[in-house]
PDB file of all heavy atoms in Angstrom:
ATOM      1  N   GLN A   1      -6.369  -3.378 -15.965  1.00  0.00           N
ATOM      2  CA  GLN A   1      -5.371  -2.589 -16.699  1.00  0.00           C
ATOM      3  C   GLN A   1      -4.952  -1.361 -15.882  1.00  0.00           C
ATOM      4  O   GLN A   1      -4.741  -0.277 -16.420  1.00  0.00           O
ATOM      5  CB  GLN A   1      -5.884  -2.189 -18.078  1.00  0.00           C
ATOM      6  CG  GLN A   1      -6.220  -3.389 -18.952  1.00  0.00           C
ATOM      7  CD  GLN A   1      -6.681  -2.992 -20.330  1.00  0.00           C
ATOM      8  OE1 GLN A   1      -5.935  -2.397 -21.109  1.00  0.00           O
ATOM      9  NE2 GLN A   1      -7.929  -3.303 -20.643  1.00  0.00           N
ATOM     10  N   ARG A   2      -4.870  -1.560 -14.581  1.00  0.00           N
ATOM     11  CA  ARG A   2      -4.434  -0.528 -13.646  1.00  0.00           C
ATOM     12  C   ARG A   2      -3.212  -1.039 -12.890  1.00  0.00           C
ATOM     13  O   ARG A   2      -3.073  -2.240 -12.656  1.00  0.00           O
ATOM     14  CB  ARG A   2      -5.543  -0.213 -12.628  1.00  0.00           C
ATOM     15  CG  ARG A   2      -6.857   0.258 -13.231  1.00  0.00           C
ATOM     16  CD  ARG A   2      -6.894   1.750 -13.374  1.00  0.00           C
ATOM     17  NE  ARG A   2      -6.683   2.411 -12.086  1.00  0.00           N
ATOM     18  CZ  ARG A   2      -7.639   2.581 -11.154  1.00  0.00           C
ATOM     19  NH1 ARG A   2      -8.868   2.127 -11.370  1.00  0.00           N
ATOM     20  NH2 ARG A   2      -7.374   3.215 -10.030  1.00  0.00           N
ATOM     21  N   ARG A   3      -2.337  -0.153 -12.491  1.00  0.00           N
ATOM     22  CA  ARG A   3      -1.186  -0.522 -11.675  1.00  0.00           C
ATOM     23  C   ARG A   3      -1.457  -0.143 -10.226  1.00  0.00           C
ATOM     24  O   ARG A   3      -1.890   0.977  -9.935  1.00  0.00           O
ATOM     25  CB  ARG A   3       0.079   0.188 -12.157  1.00  0.00           C
ATOM     26  CG  ARG A   3       0.512  -0.212 -13.550  1.00  0.00           C
ATOM     27  CD  ARG A   3       1.006  -1.625 -13.607  1.00  0.00           C
ATOM     28  NE  ARG A   3       2.257  -1.818 -12.857  1.00  0.00           N
ATOM     29  CZ  ARG A   3       2.862  -2.996 -12.719  1.00  0.00           C
ATOM     30  NH1 ARG A   3       2.321  -4.085 -13.249  1.00  0.00           N
ATOM     31  NH2 ARG A   3       3.987  -3.079 -12.046  1.00  0.00           N
ATOM     32  N   ALA A   4      -1.209  -1.070  -9.326  1.00  0.00           N
ATOM     33  CA  ALA A   4      -1.407  -0.795  -7.909  1.00  0.00           C
ATOM     34  C   ALA A   4      -0.285   0.094  -7.374  1.00  0.00           C
ATOM     35  O   ALA A   4       0.863   0.004  -7.807  1.00  0.00           O
ATOM     36  CB  ALA A   4      -1.437  -2.107  -7.122  1.00  0.00           C
ATOM     37  N   ILE A   5      -0.633   0.940  -6.440  1.00  0.00           N
ATOM     38  CA  ILE A   5       0.355   1.690  -5.662  1.00  0.00           C
ATOM     39  C   ILE A   5       0.789   0.776  -4.524  1.00  0.00           C
ATOM     40  O   ILE A   5      -0.014   0.427  -3.651  1.00  0.00           O
ATOM     41  CB  ILE A   5      -0.243   2.992  -5.102  1.00  0.00           C
ATOM     42  CG1 ILE A   5      -0.712   3.893  -6.241  1.00  0.00           C
ATOM     43  CG2 ILE A   5       0.761   3.714  -4.216  1.00  0.00           C
ATOM     44  CD1 ILE A   5      -1.570   5.062  -5.779  1.00  0.00           C
ATOM     45  N   ILE A   6       2.046   0.346  -4.547  1.00  0.00           N
ATOM     46  CA  ILE A   6       2.545  -0.562  -3.517  1.00  0.00           C
ATOM     47  C   ILE A   6       3.044   0.247  -2.334  1.00  0.00           C
ATOM     48  O   ILE A   6       3.846   1.175  -2.489  1.00  0.00           O
ATOM     49  CB  ILE A   6       3.664  -1.464  -4.070  1.00  0.00           C
ATOM     50  CG1 ILE A   6       3.142  -2.297  -5.253  1.00  0.00           C
ATOM     51  CG2 ILE A   6       4.222  -2.355  -2.975  1.00  0.00           C
ATOM     52  CD1 ILE A   6       1.997  -3.225  -4.898  1.00  0.00           C
ATOM     53  N   LEU A   7       2.582  -0.115  -1.138  1.00  0.00           N
ATOM     54  CA  LEU A   7       2.884   0.676   0.048  1.00  0.00           C
ATOM     55  C   LEU A   7       3.905   0.016   0.973  1.00  0.00           C
ATOM     56  O   LEU A   7       4.603   0.696   1.716  1.00  0.00           O
ATOM     57  CB  LEU A   7       1.594   0.958   0.819  1.00  0.00           C
ATOM     58  CG  LEU A   7       0.591   1.808   0.041  1.00  0.00           C
ATOM     59  CD1 LEU A   7      -0.747   1.838   0.746  1.00  0.00           C
ATOM     60  CD2 LEU A   7       1.120   3.220  -0.154  1.00  0.00           C
ATOM     61  N   GLY A   8       3.974  -1.303   0.985  1.00  0.00           N
ATOM     62  CA  GLY A   8       4.962  -2.000   1.807  1.00  0.00           C
ATOM     63  C   GLY A   8       6.254  -2.223   1.042  1.00  0.00           C
ATOM     64  O   GLY A   8       6.480  -1.637  -0.021  1.00  0.00           O
ATOM     65  N   LYS A   9       7.114  -3.080   1.589  1.00  0.00           N
ATOM     66  CA  LYS A   9       8.336  -3.424   0.862  1.00  0.00           C
ATOM     67  C   LYS A   9       7.963  -4.056  -0.473  1.00  0.00           C
ATOM     68  O   LYS A   9       7.001  -4.826  -0.516  1.00  0.00           O
ATOM     69  CB  LYS A   9       9.167  -4.428   1.692  1.00  0.00           C
ATOM     70  CG  LYS A   9       9.678  -3.882   3.021  1.00  0.00           C
ATOM     71  CD  LYS A   9      10.330  -4.963   3.882  1.00  0.00           C
ATOM     72  CE  LYS A   9       9.346  -5.977   4.380  1.00  0.00           C
ATOM     73  NZ  LYS A   9       9.944  -6.986   5.289  1.00  0.00           N
ATOM     74  N   PRO A  10       8.629  -3.750  -1.577  1.00  0.00           N
ATOM     75  CA  PRO A  10       9.903  -3.032  -1.711  1.00  0.00           C
ATOM     76  C   PRO A  10       9.767  -1.541  -2.043  1.00  0.00           C
ATOM     77  O   PRO A  10      10.716  -0.958  -2.558  1.00  0.00           O
ATOM     78  CB  PRO A  10      10.560  -3.764  -2.880  1.00  0.00           C
ATOM     79  CG  PRO A  10       9.403  -4.071  -3.793  1.00  0.00           C
ATOM     80  CD  PRO A  10       8.251  -4.398  -2.856  1.00  0.00           C
ATOM     81  N   ALA A  11       8.625  -0.926  -1.770  1.00  0.00           N
ATOM     82  CA  ALA A  11       8.480   0.498  -2.058  1.00  0.00           C
ATOM     83  C   ALA A  11       9.550   1.292  -1.303  1.00  0.00           C
ATOM     84  O   ALA A  11       9.660   1.158  -0.075  1.00  0.00           O
ATOM     85  CB  ALA A  11       7.092   0.970  -1.646  1.00  0.00           C
ATOM     86  N   PRO A  12      10.331   2.108  -1.986  1.00  0.00           N
ATOM     87  CA  PRO A  12      11.398   2.855  -1.301  1.00  0.00           C
ATOM     88  C   PRO A  12      10.891   3.681  -0.128  1.00  0.00           C
ATOM     89  O   PRO A  12      11.553   3.768   0.911  1.00  0.00           O
ATOM     90  CB  PRO A  12      11.970   3.743  -2.413  1.00  0.00           C
ATOM     91  CG  PRO A  12      11.692   3.007  -3.676  1.00  0.00           C
ATOM     92  CD  PRO A  12      10.364   2.345  -3.452  1.00  0.00           C
ATOM     93  N   GLU A  13       9.695   4.268  -0.266  1.00  0.00           N
ATOM     94  CA  GLU A  13       9.174   5.127   0.792  1.00  0.00           C
ATOM     95  C   GLU A  13       8.959   4.366   2.100  1.00  0.00           C
ATOM     96  O   GLU A  13       9.060   4.954   3.189  1.00  0.00           O
ATOM     97  CB  GLU A  13       7.851   5.761   0.346  1.00  0.00           C
ATOM     98  CG  GLU A  13       7.952   6.710  -0.823  1.00  0.00           C
ATOM     99  CD  GLU A  13       8.063   6.003  -2.168  1.00  0.00           C
ATOM    100  OE1 GLU A  13       7.865   4.760  -2.221  1.00  0.00           O
ATOM    101  OE2 GLU A  13       8.349   6.687  -3.174  1.00  0.00           O
ATOM    102  N   PHE A  14       8.683   3.069   2.004  1.00  0.00           N
ATOM    103  CA  PHE A  14       8.456   2.272   3.197  1.00  0.00           C
ATOM    104  C   PHE A  14       9.740   2.156   4.019  1.00  0.00           C
ATOM    105  O   PHE A  14       9.749   2.362   5.233  1.00  0.00           O
ATOM    106  CB  PHE A  14       7.937   0.893   2.804  1.00  0.00           C
ATOM    107  CG  PHE A  14       7.424   0.077   3.957  1.00  0.00           C
ATOM    108  CD1 PHE A  14       6.257   0.424   4.604  1.00  0.00           C
ATOM    109  CD2 PHE A  14       8.104  -1.048   4.385  1.00  0.00           C
ATOM    110  CE1 PHE A  14       5.771  -0.333   5.673  1.00  0.00           C
ATOM    111  CE2 PHE A  14       7.630  -1.806   5.446  1.00  0.00           C
ATOM    112  CZ  PHE A  14       6.461  -1.452   6.088  1.00  0.00           C
ATOM    113  N   PHE A  15      10.837   1.817   3.336  1.00  0.00           N
ATOM    114  CA  PHE A  15      12.130   1.750   4.023  1.00  0.00           C
ATOM    115  C   PHE A  15      12.525   3.127   4.565  1.00  0.00           C
ATOM    116  O   PHE A  15      12.981   3.254   5.701  1.00  0.00           O
ATOM    117  CB  PHE A  15      13.217   1.267   3.060  1.00  0.00           C
ATOM    118  CG  PHE A  15      13.035  -0.122   2.536  1.00  0.00           C
ATOM    119  CD1 PHE A  15      12.554  -0.331   1.249  1.00  0.00           C
ATOM    120  CD2 PHE A  15      13.353  -1.235   3.304  1.00  0.00           C
ATOM    121  CE1 PHE A  15      12.396  -1.610   0.752  1.00  0.00           C
ATOM    122  CE2 PHE A  15      13.196  -2.524   2.815  1.00  0.00           C
ATOM    123  CZ  PHE A  15      12.711  -2.715   1.531  1.00  0.00           C
ATOM    124  N   LEU A  16      12.345   4.140   3.739  1.00  0.00           N
ATOM    125  CA  LEU A  16      12.821   5.477   4.106  1.00  0.00           C
ATOM    126  C   LEU A  16      12.040   6.065   5.270  1.00  0.00           C
ATOM    127  O   LEU A  16      12.599   6.811   6.086  1.00  0.00           O
ATOM    128  CB  LEU A  16      12.759   6.408   2.892  1.00  0.00           C
ATOM    129  CG  LEU A  16      13.632   5.975   1.696  1.00  0.00           C
ATOM    130  CD1 LEU A  16      13.525   6.980   0.561  1.00  0.00           C
ATOM    131  CD2 LEU A  16      15.081   5.770   2.111  1.00  0.00           C
ATOM    132  N   SER A  17      10.741   5.724   5.390  1.00  0.00           N
ATOM    133  CA  SER A  17       9.978   6.233   6.525  1.00  0.00           C
ATOM    134  C   SER A  17      10.483   5.625   7.826  1.00  0.00           C
ATOM    135  O   SER A  17      10.534   6.312   8.861  1.00  0.00           O
ATOM    136  CB  SER A  17       8.488   5.946   6.340  1.00  0.00           C
ATOM    137  OG  SER A  17       8.228   4.555   6.310  1.00  0.00           O
ATOM    138  N   ALA A  18      10.874   4.363   7.785  1.00  0.00           N
ATOM    139  CA  ALA A  18      11.441   3.734   8.980  1.00  0.00           C
ATOM    140  C   ALA A  18      12.779   4.361   9.344  1.00  0.00           C
ATOM    141  O   ALA A  18      13.060   4.606  10.526  1.00  0.00           O
ATOM    142  CB  ALA A  18      11.599   2.233   8.763  1.00  0.00           C
ATOM    143  N   LEU A  19      13.605   4.637   8.340  1.00  0.00           N
ATOM    144  CA  LEU A  19      14.888   5.286   8.609  1.00  0.00           C
ATOM    145  C   LEU A  19      14.686   6.698   9.151  1.00  0.00           C
ATOM    146  O   LEU A  19      15.382   7.130  10.076  1.00  0.00           O
ATOM    147  CB  LEU A  19      15.732   5.336   7.339  1.00  0.00           C
ATOM    148  CG  LEU A  19      16.208   4.002   6.769  1.00  0.00           C
ATOM    149  CD1 LEU A  19      17.097   4.235   5.554  1.00  0.00           C
ATOM    150  CD2 LEU A  19      16.949   3.176   7.809  1.00  0.00           C
ATOM    151  N   ALA A  20      13.723   7.420   8.607  1.00  0.00           N
ATOM    152  CA  ALA A  20      13.466   8.793   9.062  1.00  0.00           C
ATOM    153  C   ALA A  20      13.051   8.814  10.527  1.00  0.00           C
ATOM    154  O   ALA A  20      13.383   9.754  11.263  1.00  0.00           O
ATOM    155  CB  ALA A  20      12.386   9.438   8.196  1.00  0.00           C
ATOM    156  N   SER A  21      12.355   7.775  10.982  1.00  0.00           N
ATOM    157  CA  SER A  21      11.894   7.740  12.365  1.00  0.00           C
ATOM    158  C   SER A  21      13.036   7.643  13.366  1.00  0.00           C
ATOM    159  O   SER A  21      12.860   7.935  14.549  1.00  0.00           O
ATOM    160  CB  SER A  21      10.936   6.562  12.575  1.00  0.00           C
ATOM    161  OG  SER A  21      11.646   5.330  12.620  1.00  0.00           O
ATOM    162  N   MET A  22      14.199   7.218  12.901  1.00  0.00           N
ATOM    163  CA  MET A  22      15.363   7.157  13.792  1.00  0.00           C
ATOM    164  C   MET A  22      16.503   8.048  13.292  1.00  0.00           C
ATOM    165  O   MET A  22      17.634   7.915  13.729  1.00  0.00           O
ATOM    166  CB  MET A  22      15.832   5.714  13.985  1.00  0.00           C
ATOM    167  CG  MET A  22      16.055   4.904  12.738  1.00  0.00           C
ATOM    168  SD  MET A  22      16.480   3.180  13.163  1.00  0.00           S
ATOM    169  CE  MET A  22      16.593   2.458  11.510  1.00  0.00           C
ATOM    170  N   ASN A  23      16.147   8.946  12.365  1.00  0.00           N
ATOM    171  CA  ASN A  23      17.114   9.915  11.850  1.00  0.00           C
ATOM    172  C   ASN A  23      18.392   9.230  11.375  1.00  0.00           C
ATOM    173  O   ASN A  23      19.514   9.688  11.650  1.00  0.00           O
ATOM    174  CB  ASN A  23      17.445  10.964  12.917  1.00  0.00           C
ATOM    175  CG  ASN A  23      18.109  12.200  12.321  1.00  0.00           C
ATOM    176  OD1 ASN A  23      17.889  12.538  11.159  1.00  0.00           O
ATOM    177  ND2 ASN A  23      18.937  12.869  13.105  1.00  0.00           N
ATOM    178  N   CYS A  24      18.200   8.139  10.657  1.00  0.00           N
ATOM    179  CA  CYS A  24      19.334   7.346  10.159  1.00  0.00           C
ATOM    180  C   CYS A  24      19.469   7.535   8.646  1.00  0.00           C
ATOM    181  O   CYS A  24      18.549   7.202   7.905  1.00  0.00           O
ATOM    182  CB  CYS A  24      19.126   5.872  10.487  1.00  0.00           C
ATOM    183  SG  CYS A  24      20.421   4.782   9.848  1.00  0.00           S
ATOM    184  N   PRO A  25      20.593   8.037   8.168  1.00  0.00           N
ATOM    185  CA  PRO A  25      20.776   8.162   6.720  1.00  0.00           C
ATOM    186  C   PRO A  25      20.904   6.801   6.049  1.00  0.00           C
ATOM    187  O   PRO A  25      21.313   5.815   6.682  1.00  0.00           O
ATOM    188  CB  PRO A  25      22.077   8.966   6.602  1.00  0.00           C
ATOM    189  CG  PRO A  25      22.781   8.762   7.881  1.00  0.00           C
ATOM    190  CD  PRO A  25      21.740   8.555   8.925  1.00  0.00           C
ATOM    191  N   LYS A  26      20.560   6.751   4.772  1.00  0.00           N
ATOM    192  CA  LYS A  26      20.611   5.482   4.029  1.00  0.00           C
ATOM    193  C   LYS A  26      22.002   4.863   4.050  1.00  0.00           C
ATOM    194  O   LYS A  26      22.146   3.633   4.122  1.00  0.00           O
ATOM    195  CB  LYS A  26      20.169   5.716   2.582  1.00  0.00           C
ATOM    196  CG  LYS A  26      18.717   6.098   2.430  1.00  0.00           C
ATOM    197  CD  LYS A  26      18.325   6.286   0.975  1.00  0.00           C
ATOM    198  CE  LYS A  26      18.934   7.551   0.390  1.00  0.00           C
ATOM    199  NZ  LYS A  26      18.438   7.804  -0.999  1.00  0.00           N
ATOM    200  N   ALA A  27      23.017   5.699   4.011  1.00  0.00           N
ATOM    201  CA  ALA A  27      24.392   5.212   3.962  1.00  0.00           C
ATOM    202  C   ALA A  27      24.812   4.496   5.242  1.00  0.00           C
ATOM    203  O   ALA A  27      25.813   3.774   5.255  1.00  0.00           O
ATOM    204  CB  ALA A  27      25.353   6.365   3.683  1.00  0.00           C
ATOM    205  N   LYS A  28      24.043   4.683   6.329  1.00  0.00           N
ATOM    206  CA  LYS A  28      24.398   4.062   7.605  1.00  0.00           C
ATOM    207  C   LYS A  28      23.381   3.009   8.033  1.00  0.00           C
ATOM    208  O   LYS A  28      23.325   2.629   9.207  1.00  0.00           O
ATOM    209  CB  LYS A  28      24.527   5.126   8.688  1.00  0.00           C
ATOM    210  CG  LYS A  28      25.664   6.111   8.454  1.00  0.00           C
ATOM    211  CD  LYS A  28      25.804   7.085   9.611  1.00  0.00           C
ATOM    212  CE  LYS A  28      26.975   8.039   9.390  1.00  0.00           C
ATOM    213  NZ  LYS A  28      27.151   8.969  10.532  1.00  0.00           N
ATOM    214  N   ALA A  29      22.610   2.507   7.072  1.00  0.00           N
ATOM    215  CA  ALA A  29      21.524   1.576   7.389  1.00  0.00           C
ATOM    216  C   ALA A  29      21.760   0.213   6.766  1.00  0.00           C
ATOM    217  O   ALA A  29      22.348   0.084   5.690  1.00  0.00           O
ATOM    218  CB  ALA A  29      20.196   2.141   6.907  1.00  0.00           C
ATOM    219  N   VAL A  30      21.249  -0.824   7.454  1.00  0.00           N
ATOM    220  CA  VAL A  30      21.297  -2.191   6.942  1.00  0.00           C
ATOM    221  C   VAL A  30      19.933  -2.837   7.142  1.00  0.00           C
ATOM    222  O   VAL A  30      19.259  -2.600   8.141  1.00  0.00           O
ATOM    223  CB  VAL A  30      22.409  -3.018   7.637  1.00  0.00           C
ATOM    224  CG1 VAL A  30      22.200  -3.052   9.143  1.00  0.00           C
ATOM    225  CG2 VAL A  30      22.475  -4.434   7.076  1.00  0.00           C
ATOM    226  N   MET A  31      19.514  -3.626   6.159  1.00  0.00           N
ATOM    227  CA  MET A  31      18.261  -4.368   6.212  1.00  0.00           C
ATOM    228  C   MET A  31      18.569  -5.844   6.387  1.00  0.00           C
ATOM    229  O   MET A  31      19.502  -6.367   5.767  1.00  0.00           O
ATOM    230  CB  MET A  31      17.472  -4.151   4.913  1.00  0.00           C
ATOM    231  CG  MET A  31      16.217  -5.008   4.754  1.00  0.00           C
ATOM    232  SD  MET A  31      14.880  -4.478   5.842  1.00  0.00           S
ATOM    233  CE  MET A  31      13.944  -6.010   5.995  1.00  0.00           C
ATOM    234  N   VAL A  32      17.787  -6.543   7.222  1.00  0.00           N
ATOM    235  CA  VAL A  32      17.926  -7.984   7.402  1.00  0.00           C
ATOM    236  C   VAL A  32      16.597  -8.635   7.051  1.00  0.00           C
ATOM    237  O   VAL A  32      15.563  -8.302   7.642  1.00  0.00           O
ATOM    238  CB  VAL A  32      18.318  -8.345   8.844  1.00  0.00           C
ATOM    239  CG1 VAL A  32      18.458  -9.867   8.986  1.00  0.00           C
ATOM    240  CG2 VAL A  32      19.614  -7.650   9.246  1.00  0.00           C
ATOM    241  N   GLY A  33      16.606  -9.561   6.091  1.00  0.00           N
ATOM    242  CA  GLY A  33      15.366 -10.203   5.684  1.00  0.00           C
ATOM    243  C   GLY A  33      15.580 -11.586   5.122  1.00  0.00           C
ATOM    244  O   GLY A  33      16.714 -11.974   4.796  1.00  0.00           O
ATOM    245  N   ASP A  34      14.470 -12.330   4.981  1.00  0.00           N
ATOM    246  CA  ASP A  34      14.523 -13.681   4.405  1.00  0.00           C
ATOM    247  C   ASP A  34      14.023 -13.704   2.966  1.00  0.00           C
ATOM    248  O   ASP A  34      14.050 -14.758   2.326  1.00  0.00           O
ATOM    249  CB  ASP A  34      13.697 -14.652   5.247  1.00  0.00           C
ATOM    250  CG  ASP A  34      12.201 -14.351   5.206  1.00  0.00           C
ATOM    251  OD1 ASP A  34      11.830 -13.157   5.161  1.00  0.00           O
ATOM    252  OD2 ASP A  34      11.400 -15.304   5.233  1.00  0.00           O
ATOM    253  N   ASP A  35      13.568 -12.562   2.457  1.00  0.00           N
ATOM    254  CA  ASP A  35      13.040 -12.463   1.094  1.00  0.00           C
ATOM    255  C   ASP A  35      14.036 -11.677   0.257  1.00  0.00           C
ATOM    256  O   ASP A  35      14.194 -10.464   0.427  1.00  0.00           O
ATOM    257  CB  ASP A  35      11.681 -11.766   1.111  1.00  0.00           C
ATOM    258  CG  ASP A  35      10.973 -11.809  -0.236  1.00  0.00           C
ATOM    259  OD1 ASP A  35      11.647 -11.621  -1.271  1.00  0.00           O
ATOM    260  OD2 ASP A  35       9.747 -12.016  -0.253  1.00  0.00           O
ATOM    261  N   ALA A  36      14.712 -12.382  -0.654  1.00  0.00           N
ATOM    262  CA  ALA A  36      15.762 -11.740  -1.446  1.00  0.00           C
ATOM    263  C   ALA A  36      15.219 -10.665  -2.370  1.00  0.00           C
ATOM    264  O   ALA A  36      15.947  -9.729  -2.731  1.00  0.00           O
ATOM    265  CB  ALA A  36      16.507 -12.802  -2.272  1.00  0.00           C
ATOM    266  N   GLU A  37      13.944 -10.752  -2.718  1.00  0.00           N
ATOM    267  CA  GLU A  37      13.356  -9.797  -3.658  1.00  0.00           C
ATOM    268  C   GLU A  37      12.844  -8.543  -2.942  1.00  0.00           C
ATOM    269  O   GLU A  37      13.311  -7.432  -3.219  1.00  0.00           O
ATOM    270  CB  GLU A  37      12.222 -10.454  -4.430  1.00  0.00           C
ATOM    271  CG  GLU A  37      11.603  -9.559  -5.488  1.00  0.00           C
ATOM    272  CD  GLU A  37      10.530 -10.265  -6.299  1.00  0.00           C
ATOM    273  OE1 GLU A  37      10.036 -11.329  -5.856  1.00  0.00           O
ATOM    274  OE2 GLU A  37      10.191  -9.749  -7.376  1.00  0.00           O
ATOM    275  N   THR A  38      11.910  -8.705  -2.027  1.00  0.00           N
ATOM    276  CA  THR A  38      11.291  -7.529  -1.419  1.00  0.00           C
ATOM    277  C   THR A  38      12.129  -6.938  -0.295  1.00  0.00           C
ATOM    278  O   THR A  38      12.219  -5.718  -0.161  1.00  0.00           O
ATOM    279  CB  THR A  38       9.881  -7.850  -0.889  1.00  0.00           C
ATOM    280  OG1 THR A  38       9.963  -8.888   0.086  1.00  0.00           O
ATOM    281  CG2 THR A  38       8.972  -8.280  -2.017  1.00  0.00           C
ATOM    282  N   ASP A  39      12.749  -7.786   0.526  1.00  0.00           N
ATOM    283  CA  ASP A  39      13.550  -7.287   1.648  1.00  0.00           C
ATOM    284  C   ASP A  39      14.902  -6.765   1.192  1.00  0.00           C
ATOM    285  O   ASP A  39      15.264  -5.615   1.457  1.00  0.00           O
ATOM    286  CB  ASP A  39      13.797  -8.399   2.675  1.00  0.00           C
ATOM    287  CG  ASP A  39      12.546  -8.854   3.391  1.00  0.00           C
ATOM    288  OD1 ASP A  39      11.571  -8.083   3.428  1.00  0.00           O
ATOM    289  OD2 ASP A  39      12.543  -9.979   3.909  1.00  0.00           O
ATOM    290  N   VAL A  40      15.645  -7.630   0.521  1.00  0.00           N
ATOM    291  CA  VAL A  40      17.054  -7.348   0.236  1.00  0.00           C
ATOM    292  C   VAL A  40      17.220  -6.463  -0.995  1.00  0.00           C
ATOM    293  O   VAL A  40      17.762  -5.353  -0.915  1.00  0.00           O
ATOM    294  CB  VAL A  40      17.836  -8.669   0.079  1.00  0.00           C
ATOM    295  CG1 VAL A  40      19.250  -8.410  -0.418  1.00  0.00           C
ATOM    296  CG2 VAL A  40      17.876  -9.407   1.421  1.00  0.00           C
ATOM    297  N   ALA A  41      16.765  -6.944  -2.157  1.00  0.00           N
ATOM    298  CA  ALA A  41      16.900  -6.130  -3.366  1.00  0.00           C
ATOM    299  C   ALA A  41      16.122  -4.830  -3.229  1.00  0.00           C
ATOM    300  O   ALA A  41      16.575  -3.765  -3.670  1.00  0.00           O
ATOM    301  CB  ALA A  41      16.426  -6.919  -4.587  1.00  0.00           C
ATOM    302  N   GLY A  42      14.959  -4.890  -2.573  1.00  0.00           N
ATOM    303  CA  GLY A  42      14.171  -3.680  -2.365  1.00  0.00           C
ATOM    304  C   GLY A  42      14.904  -2.646  -1.550  1.00  0.00           C
ATOM    305  O   GLY A  42      14.901  -1.455  -1.879  1.00  0.00           O
ATOM    306  N   ALA A  43      15.544  -3.077  -0.461  1.00  0.00           N
ATOM    307  CA  ALA A  43      16.284  -2.151   0.395  1.00  0.00           C
ATOM    308  C   ALA A  43      17.461  -1.535  -0.345  1.00  0.00           C
ATOM    309  O   ALA A  43      17.726  -0.328  -0.235  1.00  0.00           O
ATOM    310  CB  ALA A  43      16.754  -2.869   1.649  1.00  0.00           C
ATOM    311  N   LEU A  44      18.180  -2.348  -1.086  1.00  0.00           N
ATOM    312  CA  LEU A  44      19.343  -1.833  -1.813  1.00  0.00           C
ATOM    313  C   LEU A  44      18.913  -0.871  -2.917  1.00  0.00           C
ATOM    314  O   LEU A  44      19.561   0.156  -3.131  1.00  0.00           O
ATOM    315  CB  LEU A  44      20.161  -2.996  -2.388  1.00  0.00           C
ATOM    316  CG  LEU A  44      20.844  -3.883  -1.330  1.00  0.00           C
ATOM    317  CD1 LEU A  44      21.458  -5.112  -1.991  1.00  0.00           C
ATOM    318  CD2 LEU A  44      21.908  -3.103  -0.568  1.00  0.00           C
ATOM    319  N   ARG A  45      17.805  -1.151  -3.587  1.00  0.00           N
ATOM    320  CA  ARG A  45      17.309  -0.217  -4.602  1.00  0.00           C
ATOM    321  C   ARG A  45      16.833   1.082  -3.965  1.00  0.00           C
ATOM    322  O   ARG A  45      16.885   2.144  -4.597  1.00  0.00           O
ATOM    323  CB  ARG A  45      16.176  -0.859  -5.410  1.00  0.00           C
ATOM    324  CG  ARG A  45      16.638  -1.866  -6.446  1.00  0.00           C
ATOM    325  CD  ARG A  45      15.545  -2.157  -7.461  1.00  0.00           C
ATOM    326  NE  ARG A  45      14.382  -2.759  -6.831  1.00  0.00           N
ATOM    327  CZ  ARG A  45      14.183  -4.058  -6.698  1.00  0.00           C
ATOM    328  NH1 ARG A  45      15.095  -4.906  -7.149  1.00  0.00           N
ATOM    329  NH2 ARG A  45      13.094  -4.522  -6.127  1.00  0.00           N
ATOM    330  N   ALA A  46      16.375   1.006  -2.716  1.00  0.00           N
ATOM    331  CA  ALA A  46      15.949   2.216  -2.010  1.00  0.00           C
ATOM    332  C   ALA A  46      17.135   3.055  -1.551  1.00  0.00           C
ATOM    333  O   ALA A  46      16.933   4.175  -1.077  1.00  0.00           O
ATOM    334  CB  ALA A  46      15.083   1.840  -0.812  1.00  0.00           C
ATOM    335  N   GLY A  47      18.341   2.513  -1.675  1.00  0.00           N
ATOM    336  CA  GLY A  47      19.530   3.285  -1.342  1.00  0.00           C
ATOM    337  C   GLY A  47      20.229   2.898  -0.058  1.00  0.00           C
ATOM    338  O   GLY A  47      21.245   3.510   0.291  1.00  0.00           O
TER     339      GLY A  47
END
């Protein structure tokens, strides 16, 4: 009856830390993945 803290995709912080490492704003970023849930929907929900 506990919720896990998710650290990889689709956690927004995971995408954003990668973007921060290249000083890329969300509005200028694109994600490419084969998983429509964690890669694609996750990235879009992260902004």
